[in-house]
Amino acid sequence: MTQVAQAPAQQSKSAKKTAERHIRKVAILGSGVMGSRIAAHFANIGCEVILLDIIPLDAPKDEKQEKSLLWRNSLVNKFLVEATKSKPAPFYSNAFASRIKTGNLTDNLDWIADCDLILEAVIERLDIKQQLFERVEKYRREDAIIASNTSGIPMHMLIEGRTQGFKEHFCGMHFFNPPRYMRLLEIIPCEHTNQEIVDFLLQYGNLYLGKETVLCKDTPAFIANRVGVFAIMSGLHAVEKYGLTVGEVDRLTGPIIGRAKSATFRTLDVVGLDTTIKVAQGVAQNVPNDEQKHMFELPNIVKELDKRKWYGDKTKQGYFKKTKDEKGKTLILELDLNDYEYKPTEKPNIKVYGKAKDEDDLSKRFSIFLNDDSKYGEFFRTTFYDVFAYVSNRIPEIADHTYQIDNAVSAGFGWEMGPFATWDALGVKETIAKMEVAGYKVADWVKNVDSFFKTENGKKLYFDIESKSYKVIPGTEEFIVLDAIRGTHKVWGNDGVTIFDLGDGVLGLEFHTKMNAIGSEIIEGINTAISLAEKSYTSLVIGNDAPNFSAGANLAMLYMYALEQEFDEVEMMIRQFQDTMMRVKYSAIPVIAAPAGLALGGGCELCLHADHVQAHTETYIGLVEVGVGLIPAGGGTKEMIRRTANAYVNGDPRINRLQEVFLNIATAKVATSAQEGLEMGLLRGHDDYTLNRSRLLADAKRKAMEIVASGYTQPVQQQNIEVEGKTALATFTAGAVGMLYGHYATAHDIKIAKKLAYVIAGGDLSGTSQVSEQYLLDLEREAFLSLCGEQKTLDRINSILFKGKPLRN
C-alpha cells in the first residue's frame, strides 16, 4: 500500500505542496522500545523502513568479529526480534517485519539519503540528539522531513546549530506507547517549520497512520502529558487530602467515569511511577508562570515509593504487587498508603459507586459523583474543578482551541470525554458558579461560553474563542458520528438497534445491546433494515461508534432454553439466525459490514456473509463458539467451507486447506488484526481496511456507493460446494483424538471437535461431493442442537455468563 497524502478541497499553496508530498521510505534512528515499535507501525501501513541504532558499546576482542555485520548490527537486530515476539504485537502480521532493513548509525547513516521521513527516537538526552542531527544534516535529502519522537525536549533546543533548510523541514512527532495501539500522535512544529510540513503531517497522521493527530505548541510536555499528568497529580494530592485507599481510587477513576480500565494507581504501575515523576518534575522546572505549578510537586504517597524504588511492574512492586499463596495461586496485593505494607485487594463498598453504576449515561454519572456529599464527592469535585480551571488557563499557552486539548487527552490517556466535553456534560455556567464559590479561578474567555461543543447538521462544532462562534472541528468534515445524527436521521429502531439514513441512498444499522450481543432485537433490526433498503434505498452499512462491533450471540436466552430443554425454541433461534445471515448475503442490495474491536462468534458470521467488509485495522475477529461448548451455526462454518472450496486450484492439498479451517475453529482462534483476519480467510482480498477509527463509517458508506455505482447484481445461492466426506472426517477425527491422548484437550473438547469435523467434511459421504449451502447449514444446526443437550456445554455457558471467564471441562 503506497502512502500518498490527498490534498484538501481548497487548494492553498500549502495544500498543493502537501498533495505532491509522498512518504514511501522512512528512516527510524534508534531501535529501542519506541523506535522499533514505530518502525513496525510504518511497516504495517506499507512503508519501506530503515531502522538504525548504535553498534554495541562492549567491543569484542576478536578484530574480525568487530568488523562483522552480525556483531555491528546485533543491537538493532535484537530489538527488532524482540518486537516480533512482544505482546501486544506491534505488527499487524509478523510477515511485515520483512519491510524493515536494519543497520547501524556508524556505517549506514548514508542510507537516509533517499528517505522521505527521518524520525529520531534515541535516548532522551539533548546532547545525543543534537549530535545525531548534526550527522543527519550531511546525508538528508533536501526536501525530506526530519522529526523527533521526544516526549518533552523543546523543539527549539533540538535544532540549535542546524541550517535554515533543516529547521524548515523539522517537526516533533510524538507517538504514545505502544505506537500501534495508542491513538494519539502529537505534531509539534518549531518556529521555523514550513506550514506545508505541518499540514502534511497532520493529514498523514490522520489518514495513513490512523491517529488522532493533534497540533501542539512547543511547550513543556506538549498537550496530553501536560494535562494528563496534571490530572493524575491532582488526584494523588486529593487522595492524601481525603484519606482514600488505592482500591477506592481505582474503583472510582476507571470505566465508571469513562477512563481507562487501569484507572489511576494501576496506570502508574504499568507506565512506571518513575516515568510519571520525570514528566511531573520536568513540567514543574520549566513552567515558571503556571499558576498551578505547585500541583506537579510530588505528594508523600509518591515520594515514599520513589525513595523505596517501588516503580510498579518494572520493579515487581508499586501500588500493587503480585505474589502467590501456598497453593501457587497468584494473588494481587495493594499498598496500604498509611503504613506502606501490602494487603490483599478487596472490592471496596462505595455507596455512590453503586448508584452511578446503575446509570448508563456517562454525563449523568458525572453528576451523581460530583453531587455526592461524602468524601468521595469531595474527591471528585476537587479533581474535576482542578482540571477544568487548569485547561481553561492553558489556552492559548499550549493550544489555541478546546478540541485540541480534548482530543489529545482522550486519545493519549483513554478518556471517553475530554476535559471540556466533561465540563459541557455538567453544564458550563452552572459548574463555573460552583467553582467560584469553592475558590477556583477560570479563564475570562470561559465565562461567555454556553457550551464548548455542539452538534449541528450531523457535524460536531467547537466554540472558536477568537471569533466567538461555532465552527466544524477541522479534519472531521467527512466523519459520520451517529450521536450527532441520532435526533434527525433515525428511520426505525427497537431496544437493540437504530436504523439511520446516512444520505446518498445509504442506510445505516447500529447495534446497541450490551457488547452488541446478537439477540432477537438485532435479528429483527437486520431484517427490517434490509427490507427498508430494498424498498427505498440503494445499500446498507452495518456498523457503530462503540468500542466493539459485536461480541457474539446473546447466550443468556440460549442458555435459558437449553437449560429447560426447550430444544424447539433453540432450533427456531438458530434457524432464524441462519436465515437472516443468508438474507444478508443474498439481498437485492449490497450489505457492507464495518467491524472494529471485537467481531466474535455471531459478529464474525455477520461479516462473513456481508458483500463487503470495511474493517478497522484493529478488528479482532474469530469464530469462538467452541469456547462455550458449541460450533459456529449461523453459517460461519458453512461459509469457511465454501470459501476454502472455491479457492482450490489443481494439485491443491485439499485436506490440508480444510484442516486449517478446522483448527482455527476448533481452537477458537481470534485474529488480532484485520490483516491476520485476511490470512485466516475471515476477510477476503477485496475487503478494505481503515486505519483511523473515526473514518470507518464514512469509508464504509463510500464503499457502498462505489459498489452501487459499479452495478450491483443480486447473487444466487451456491449449490456446488465441494466437500471431502469420509477422508476429511477420518483425518480430522484422528487429529482430535491425538490431542486428547497428548493431554492438550479434554474429552468434551474432542466431542465438540468431532461434531465440527463432521460438518466441515460434509458428513460421512463416501468421497468428494458437491453440496448446497443449505445442506451445510442443516449440518451446522444439527451439531449445534446436539451440543446444547450436553451438560458440559451448559457448564461452559454458565461460566461465561455468571463468572465472566471460560471453563475448560
Foldseek 3Di string as FASTA:
>chain_A
DFAAFCADPDDDVLSVVLRVAGFAEEEEEALAQARLLVQQLCLQLHHQYEYAYAQDPDADPDPVLNPDQCRRQVVNVVSNVCQCVDPPRSHLDSVSSVSYDYGYPPPPLLVQQPGQEYEYDHDPDLVVLLVSVVVNVVRYHQNHAYEYQDQFDFPVSNCPPHDLSNLQRYWYWHAAPPNLPQQETEIEHDPSHHVSNVVNVCRSCVFRSQHNYFYKYRAGSFFQLVLVLLLLLLLVVLCVVLVDAPLVQLLPQDPLLQFHNCGHFSVQQVVWVVVSLVSLVRNLVGCPPQPVSVSSDDDPLSVVCVVVVQTHVVVQHHQWHWDADPVRDIFIWGAGSPPRDTDGDDNDDDPLSVVSVVDPDSLVNLVSLCPDPDSSVVSSLSSLLSSQQRVQVCVPVIHPAPVSNFSSNCSNGVGPTRSQRSCVSPWVQVSVVVSVVVPGDHDPLSNPDRGQWDADPQFIWGQRSVVRDTDGDPPCPLFGACVNCVVPFWDDADPFWTWGPPDPQEIEIEGDDVQSADDPRVLVRLVVRLVCSLVGGAEYEYAHLDQWSHQYHDLVVLLVCLVVVVLVVVLVRLVSLLVSLVCQQQGAHAYEYETHDEQEQSSLSSNLRGPAYAYAFQYKYWYQLVLLLAFRQSLPLLSQLQVLQVPDDPPDPSLVSLVLVLVRRLVRPISRTVVVCCVSVSHDPPHHYGHHSRCRVSVRVVVSVVCVVVPDGRDDWDFFRKAFAQVSLVVQLVVLVVCVVVVVADPSSSVNSSLSSCLSRLHRDPGIGTGTSVSSSVSSSVRRSVSSNDPSSSVQSCCCVPVVDGDGD
